[in-house]
Each structure stands twice: as structure tokens, then as C-alpha cells.
């Protein structure tokens, strides 16, 4: 399978297998991430230049506190006025969309990637991806893990330590493992 077909499958939800070309491309983004994490906090201009190359997009007045970890970076789209605390980990093998005015606490993991249950496919490093969306004005507490395919609704709050395996509607407080709706807000 050629590289362009692999990239299409990466964003389709279908099972695929990476090749050396996709891994080489990914290495370029990991180098940018290294530079971002090792740039002086006071060098705001340099950090902004790196983010423009690293991410799919980043809106005005958005801030990422290092260290920041990502499989790619280029598949992540960050809106305006977003605050991301330290140690965000993105397994962004397909689209991660973080909309305007979102707050993300420390040590959050957002994963778009998973692997098949079939052990023979896993031995061949098979993978599939589903996008994650965090809608406007959501607040994600510390140490939250968000699974592939999840949408977190506008204005919702996800409590610290939650494991989010299913969509969370707008305007609710939800927490737990697995994350459950506690009340409307």
C-alpha cells in the first residue's frame, strides 16, 4: 500500500499499517515538538513559530504549557483562547479538535488511536483511529483520559481523574471511571 493510501486510512477509521515513509514524516513533527519543549518560556515569538509549523492550527491567545507530547501535532486543531496546562499527551493519529475557550488541566491524555482485538493483527502493528472533539468552553480536569471517537459537549466539565470512553453532551458535569454524567449545569 502506498503512503497516500495509508494517510487516507489513518483518517477513515479503518485498520491500517504504517510504513517507513509515514514514520519518517512523523519524525519531522517530533523534532518540532522537541524544539517547542526546549525553547525558553520567555521566547514567545519562537514558541509561536514552532506551534504554527507543528499544529494543524492554533488560534489567537491560546497557550500550551510545556512539556507537551504528541504523536504528530499536525492533526491537532486548537481554537482561540484555549489554555492547556503542562503534560498534555496527544495520540493524534487523526484529528483532535479543541474549540475556543477550552481549559485543559495538567496530565491530560487525548487518544485518537486504538488497535484491533485480533491478536494476529496486533502482531503486525495494526491500528485504527477515530477523531476527538472538545467543544467550546469545556473544562477538562487534571489527569483525564479521553478515548478515540469521543465528543465532549459545549460548556461541559470533566472532573479530575476521569476516563472518558463515550460522548458527553453539552452543559453537564461528568466524572468517574468510566466517566458518567453527574448533573446538568
C-alpha atoms as a PDB file:
ATOM      1  CA  UNK A   1       0.000   0.000   0.000  1.00  0.00           C
ATOM      2  CA  UNK A   2       1.426   3.418  -0.919  1.00  0.00           C
ATOM      3  CA  UNK A   3       1.869   6.249   1.580  1.00  0.00           C
ATOM      4  CA  UNK A   4      -1.101   8.319   0.353  1.00  0.00           C
ATOM      5  CA  UNK A   5      -3.423   5.324   0.819  1.00  0.00           C
ATOM      6  CA  UNK A   6      -2.081   4.852   4.355  1.00  0.00           C
ATOM      7  CA  UNK A   7      -2.787   8.513   5.191  1.00  0.00           C
ATOM      8  CA  UNK A   8      -6.345   8.123   3.869  1.00  0.00           C
ATOM      9  CA  UNK A   9      -6.870   5.036   6.041  1.00  0.00           C
ATOM     10  CA  UNK A  10      -5.395   6.851   9.063  1.00  0.00           C
ATOM     11  CA  UNK A  11      -8.309   9.299   8.879  1.00  0.00           C
ATOM     12  CA  UNK A  12     -11.011   6.811   7.826  1.00  0.00           C
ATOM     13  CA  UNK A  13     -11.423   4.716  10.972  1.00  0.00           C
ATOM     14  CA  UNK A  14     -10.246   1.636   9.046  1.00  0.00           C
ATOM     15  CA  UNK A  15      -7.406  -0.658  10.096  1.00  0.00           C
ATOM     16  CA  UNK A  16      -4.054   0.236   8.547  1.00  0.00           C
ATOM     17  CA  UNK A  17      -0.334  -0.466   8.862  1.00  0.00           C
ATOM     18  CA  UNK A  18       2.260   2.335   8.825  1.00  0.00           C
ATOM     19  CA  UNK A  19       5.281   2.270   6.534  1.00  0.00           C
ATOM     20  CA  UNK A  20       8.754   3.780   6.732  1.00  0.00           C
ATOM     21  CA  UNK A  21       7.657   6.925   4.842  1.00  0.00           C
ATOM     22  CA  UNK A  22       4.900   7.759   7.322  1.00  0.00           C
ATOM     23  CA  UNK A  23       7.291   7.138  10.206  1.00  0.00           C
ATOM     24  CA  UNK A  24       9.885   9.443   8.594  1.00  0.00           C
ATOM     25  CA  UNK A  25       7.214  12.139   8.186  1.00  0.00           C
ATOM     26  CA  UNK A  26       6.189  11.697  11.819  1.00  0.00           C
ATOM     27  CA  UNK A  27       9.825  12.167  12.904  1.00  0.00           C
ATOM     28  CA  UNK A  28       9.778  15.718  11.476  1.00  0.00           C
ATOM     29  CA  UNK A  29       6.901  16.629  13.782  1.00  0.00           C
ATOM     30  CA  UNK A  30       8.587  15.018  16.767  1.00  0.00           C
ATOM     31  CA  UNK A  31      11.663  17.176  16.083  1.00  0.00           C
ATOM     32  CA  UNK A  32       9.442  20.301  16.102  1.00  0.00           C
ATOM     33  CA  UNK A  33       7.906  19.116  19.374  1.00  0.00           C
ATOM     34  CA  UNK A  34      11.364  18.685  20.878  1.00  0.00           C
ATOM     35  CA  UNK A  35      12.233  22.267  19.901  1.00  0.00           C
ATOM     36  CA  UNK A  36       8.960  23.572  21.355  1.00  0.00           C
ATOM     37  CA  UNK A  37       9.589  21.831  24.683  1.00  0.00           C
ATOM     38  CA  UNK A  38      13.177  23.127  24.845  1.00  0.00           C
ATOM     39  CA  UNK A  39      12.528  26.762  23.957  1.00  0.00           C
ATOM     40  CA  UNK A  40      12.840  29.284  26.768  1.00  0.00           C
ATOM     41  CA  UNK A  41       9.444  30.264  28.195  1.00  0.00           C
ATOM     42  CA  UNK A  42      10.289  33.925  27.595  1.00  0.00           C
ATOM     43  CA  UNK A  43      10.889  33.340  23.846  1.00  0.00           C
ATOM     44  CA  UNK A  44       7.215  33.713  22.960  1.00  0.00           C
ATOM     45  CA  UNK A  45       7.899  34.535  19.302  1.00  0.00           C
ATOM     46  CA  UNK A  46       9.946  31.366  18.731  1.00  0.00           C
ATOM     47  CA  UNK A  47       7.355  29.214  20.516  1.00  0.00           C
ATOM     48  CA  UNK A  48       4.603  30.684  18.292  1.00  0.00           C
ATOM     49  CA  UNK A  49       6.648  29.978  15.139  1.00  0.00           C
ATOM     50  CA  UNK A  50       7.154  26.360  16.169  1.00  0.00           C
ATOM     51  CA  UNK A  51       3.450  25.907  17.017  1.00  0.00           C
ATOM     52  CA  UNK A  52       2.479  27.217  13.560  1.00  0.00           C
ATOM     53  CA  UNK A  53       4.643  24.506  11.936  1.00  0.00           C
ATOM     54  CA  UNK A  54       3.770  21.766  14.424  1.00  0.00           C
ATOM     55  CA  UNK A  55      -0.018  22.023  14.757  1.00  0.00           C
ATOM     56  CA  UNK A  56      -2.836  21.847  12.222  1.00  0.00           C
ATOM     57  CA  UNK A  57      -3.811  25.276  13.593  1.00  0.00           C
ATOM     58  CA  UNK A  58      -3.758  27.311  16.799  1.00  0.00           C
ATOM     59  CA  UNK A  59      -5.999  30.302  17.469  1.00  0.00           C
ATOM     60  CA  UNK A  60      -5.236  33.680  18.984  1.00  0.00           C
ATOM     61  CA  UNK A  61      -4.498  33.910  22.699  1.00  0.00           C
ATOM     62  CA  UNK A  62      -4.094  30.147  23.083  1.00  0.00           C
ATOM     63  CA  UNK A  63      -1.361  28.810  25.326  1.00  0.00           C
ATOM     64  CA  UNK A  64       0.287  25.405  25.725  1.00  0.00           C
ATOM     65  CA  UNK A  65       2.375  24.907  28.867  1.00  0.00           C
ATOM     66  CA  UNK A  66       5.357  22.604  28.212  1.00  0.00           C
ATOM     67  CA  UNK A  67       6.062  19.807  28.315  1.00  0.00           C
ATOM     68  CA  UNK A  68       3.696  18.912  25.501  1.00  0.00           C
ATOM     69  CA  UNK A  69       3.649  15.453  23.881  1.00  0.00           C
ATOM     70  CA  UNK A  70       2.118  14.383  20.556  1.00  0.00           C
ATOM     71  CA  UNK A  71       2.414  11.585  18.028  1.00  0.00           C
ATOM     72  CA  UNK A  72       2.149  14.136  15.229  1.00  0.00           C
ATOM     73  CA  UNK A  73       0.867  17.596  16.102  1.00  0.00           C
ATOM     74  CA  UNK A  74      -0.298  18.336  12.558  1.00  0.00           C
ATOM     75  CA  UNK A  75      -3.623  16.576  13.207  1.00  0.00           C
ATOM     76  CA  UNK A  76      -4.465  18.844  16.157  1.00  0.00           C
ATOM     77  CA  UNK A  77      -6.569  21.987  15.698  1.00  0.00           C
ATOM     78  CA  UNK A  78      -6.763  24.399  18.627  1.00  0.00           C
ATOM     79  CA  UNK A  79      -9.222  27.299  18.730  1.00  0.00           C
ATOM     80  CA  UNK A  80      -8.882  30.746  20.276  1.00  0.00           C
ATOM     81  CA  UNK A  81      -8.392  31.499  23.973  1.00  0.00           C
ATOM     82  CA  UNK A  82      -7.518  27.891  24.850  1.00  0.00           C
ATOM     83  CA  UNK A  83      -5.407  27.153  27.924  1.00  0.00           C
ATOM     84  CA  UNK A  84      -3.536  23.846  28.078  1.00  0.00           C
ATOM     85  CA  UNK A  85      -1.674  23.073  31.294  1.00  0.00           C
ATOM     86  CA  UNK A  86       1.544  21.031  31.422  1.00  0.00           C
ATOM     87  CA  UNK A  87       1.964  17.458  30.182  1.00  0.00           C
ATOM     88  CA  UNK A  88      -0.836  17.222  27.634  1.00  0.00           C
ATOM     89  CA  UNK A  89      -0.333  13.981  25.714  1.00  0.00           C
ATOM     90  CA  UNK A  90      -1.953  13.677  22.280  1.00  0.00           C
ATOM     91  CA  UNK A  91      -2.115  10.439  20.379  1.00  0.00           C
ATOM     92  CA  UNK A  92      -3.233  12.480  17.376  1.00  0.00           C
ATOM     93  CA  UNK A  93      -3.006   9.949  14.568  1.00  0.00           C
ATOM     94  CA  UNK A  94      -6.193  11.546  13.254  1.00  0.00           C
ATOM     95  CA  UNK A  95      -7.981  14.815  14.011  1.00  0.00           C
ATOM     96  CA  UNK A  96      -8.112  16.286  17.513  1.00  0.00           C
ATOM     97  CA  UNK A  97     -10.272  19.415  17.611  1.00  0.00           C
ATOM     98  CA  UNK A  98     -10.094  21.642  20.676  1.00  0.00           C
ATOM     99  CA  UNK A  99     -12.529  24.505  20.192  1.00  0.00           C
ATOM    100  CA  UNK A 100     -12.471  28.085  21.551  1.00  0.00           C
ATOM    101  CA  UNK A 101     -12.235  28.862  25.290  1.00  0.00           C
ATOM    102  CA  UNK A 102     -11.418  25.286  26.346  1.00  0.00           C
ATOM    103  CA  UNK A 103      -9.370  24.766  29.529  1.00  0.00           C
ATOM    104  CA  UNK A 104      -7.321  21.595  29.926  1.00  0.00           C
ATOM    105  CA  UNK A 105      -5.760  20.667  33.271  1.00  0.00           C
ATOM    106  CA  UNK A 106      -2.368  19.029  33.815  1.00  0.00           C
ATOM    107  CA  UNK A 107      -1.536  15.469  32.762  1.00  0.00           C
ATOM    108  CA  UNK A 108      -4.424  15.000  30.325  1.00  0.00           C
ATOM    109  CA  UNK A 109      -4.263  12.327  27.599  1.00  0.00           C
ATOM    110  CA  UNK A 110      -6.334  12.545  24.413  1.00  0.00           C
ATOM    111  CA  UNK A 111      -6.072   9.468  22.210  1.00  0.00           C
ATOM    112  CA  UNK A 112      -7.484   9.020  18.714  1.00  0.00           C
ATOM    113  CA  UNK A 113      -5.720   5.694  18.118  1.00  0.00           C
ATOM    114  CA  UNK A 114      -6.544   2.135  19.048  1.00  0.00           C
ATOM    115  CA  UNK A 115      -5.645  -1.375  17.994  1.00  0.00           C
ATOM    116  CA  UNK A 116      -7.799  -4.327  16.923  1.00  0.00           C
ATOM    117  CA  UNK A 117      -8.760  -7.072  19.333  1.00  0.00           C
ATOM    118  CA  UNK A 118      -7.426  -9.654  16.845  1.00  0.00           C
ATOM    119  CA  UNK A 119      -4.020 -10.625  18.255  1.00  0.00           C
ATOM    120  CA  UNK A 120      -2.653 -11.573  14.800  1.00  0.00           C
ATOM    121  CA  UNK A 121      -3.351  -8.054  13.527  1.00  0.00           C
ATOM    122  CA  UNK A 122      -1.742  -6.536  16.626  1.00  0.00           C
ATOM    123  CA  UNK A 123       1.401  -8.603  15.964  1.00  0.00           C
ATOM    124  CA  UNK A 124       1.585  -6.769  12.611  1.00  0.00           C
ATOM    125  CA  UNK A 125       1.151  -3.363  14.361  1.00  0.00           C
ATOM    126  CA  UNK A 126      -2.360  -2.817  13.004  1.00  0.00           C
ATOM    127  CA  UNK A 127      -4.091   0.345  14.130  1.00  0.00           C
ATOM    128  CA  UNK A 128      -7.272   2.382  13.561  1.00  0.00           C
ATOM    129  CA  UNK A 129      -8.168   5.939  14.552  1.00  0.00           C
ATOM    130  CA  UNK A 130     -11.275   7.913  15.460  1.00  0.00           C
ATOM    131  CA  UNK A 131     -11.320  11.726  15.884  1.00  0.00           C
ATOM    132  CA  UNK A 132     -11.842  13.500  19.212  1.00  0.00           C
ATOM    133  CA  UNK A 133     -13.681  16.825  19.590  1.00  0.00           C
ATOM    134  CA  UNK A 134     -13.765  19.046  22.671  1.00  0.00           C
ATOM    135  CA  UNK A 135     -16.407  21.700  22.058  1.00  0.00           C
ATOM    136  CA  UNK A 136     -16.380  25.360  23.089  1.00  0.00           C
ATOM    137  CA  UNK A 137     -15.901  26.402  26.702  1.00  0.00           C
ATOM    138  CA  UNK A 138     -15.425  22.868  28.038  1.00  0.00           C
ATOM    139  CA  UNK A 139     -13.166  22.341  31.036  1.00  0.00           C
ATOM    140  CA  UNK A 140     -11.140  19.134  31.261  1.00  0.00           C
ATOM    141  CA  UNK A 141      -9.783  18.481  34.770  1.00  0.00           C
ATOM    142  CA  UNK A 142      -6.368  17.110  35.710  1.00  0.00           C
ATOM    143  CA  UNK A 143      -5.389  13.531  34.859  1.00  0.00           C
ATOM    144  CA  UNK A 144      -8.306  12.907  32.473  1.00  0.00           C
ATOM    145  CA  UNK A 145      -8.014  10.322  29.685  1.00  0.00           C
ATOM    146  CA  UNK A 146     -10.203  10.783  26.600  1.00  0.00           C
ATOM    147  CA  UNK A 147     -10.685   7.763  24.315  1.00  0.00           C
ATOM    148  CA  UNK A 148     -10.901   7.627  20.497  1.00  0.00           C
ATOM    149  CA  UNK A 149     -14.118   8.881  18.912  1.00  0.00           C
ATOM    150  CA  UNK A 150     -15.318  10.908  21.925  1.00  0.00           C
ATOM    151  CA  UNK A 151     -17.063  14.279  21.634  1.00  0.00           C
ATOM    152  CA  UNK A 152     -17.227  16.426  24.760  1.00  0.00           C
ATOM    153  CA  UNK A 153     -20.093  18.911  24.514  1.00  0.00           C
ATOM    154  CA  UNK A 154     -20.019  22.674  24.812  1.00  0.00           C
ATOM    155  CA  UNK A 155     -19.712  24.122  28.344  1.00  0.00           C
ATOM    156  CA  UNK A 156     -19.298  20.689  29.944  1.00  0.00           C
ATOM    157  CA  UNK A 157     -16.895  19.974  32.798  1.00  0.00           C
ATOM    158  CA  UNK A 158     -14.999  16.686  33.079  1.00  0.00           C
ATOM    159  CA  UNK A 159     -13.841  16.038  36.639  1.00  0.00           C
ATOM    160  CA  UNK A 160     -10.253  15.210  37.518  1.00  0.00           C
ATOM    161  CA  UNK A 161      -9.119  11.624  37.049  1.00  0.00           C
ATOM    162  CA  UNK A 162     -11.964  10.680  34.712  1.00  0.00           C
ATOM    163  CA  UNK A 163     -11.747   8.060  31.969  1.00  0.00           C
ATOM    164  CA  UNK A 164     -13.972   9.312  29.118  1.00  0.00           C
ATOM    165  CA  UNK A 165     -14.991   6.386  26.900  1.00  0.00           C
ATOM    166  CA  UNK A 166     -18.257   7.785  25.454  1.00  0.00           C
ATOM    167  CA  UNK A 167     -19.610  11.125  24.230  1.00  0.00           C
ATOM    168  CA  UNK A 168     -20.531  13.675  26.891  1.00  0.00           C
ATOM    169  CA  UNK A 169     -23.374  16.079  25.986  1.00  0.00           C
ATOM    170  CA  UNK A 170     -23.266  19.862  26.363  1.00  0.00           C
ATOM    171  CA  UNK A 171     -23.816  21.638  29.690  1.00  0.00           C
ATOM    172  CA  UNK A 172     -23.123  18.802  32.128  1.00  0.00           C
ATOM    173  CA  UNK A 173     -20.735  17.925  34.916  1.00  0.00           C
ATOM    174  CA  UNK A 174     -19.346  14.430  34.369  1.00  0.00           C
ATOM    175  CA  UNK A 175     -16.684  12.421  36.138  1.00  0.00           C
ATOM    176  CA  UNK A 176     -15.580   8.943  37.095  1.00  0.00           C
ATOM    177  CA  UNK A 177     -14.079   5.811  35.652  1.00  0.00           C
ATOM    178  CA  UNK A 178     -15.845   5.333  33.353  1.00  0.00           C
ATOM    179  CA  UNK A 179     -16.969   8.950  33.120  1.00  0.00           C
ATOM    180  CA  UNK A 180     -20.696   9.445  33.799  1.00  0.00           C
ATOM    181  CA  UNK A 181     -22.990  12.446  33.793  1.00  0.00           C
ATOM    182  CA  UNK A 182     -23.465  13.700  37.367  1.00  0.00           C
ATOM    183  CA  UNK A 183     -25.742  16.690  36.741  1.00  0.00           C
ATOM    184  CA  UNK A 184     -26.745  19.375  34.262  1.00  0.00           C
ATOM    185  CA  UNK A 185     -25.077  22.760  34.676  1.00  0.00           C
END
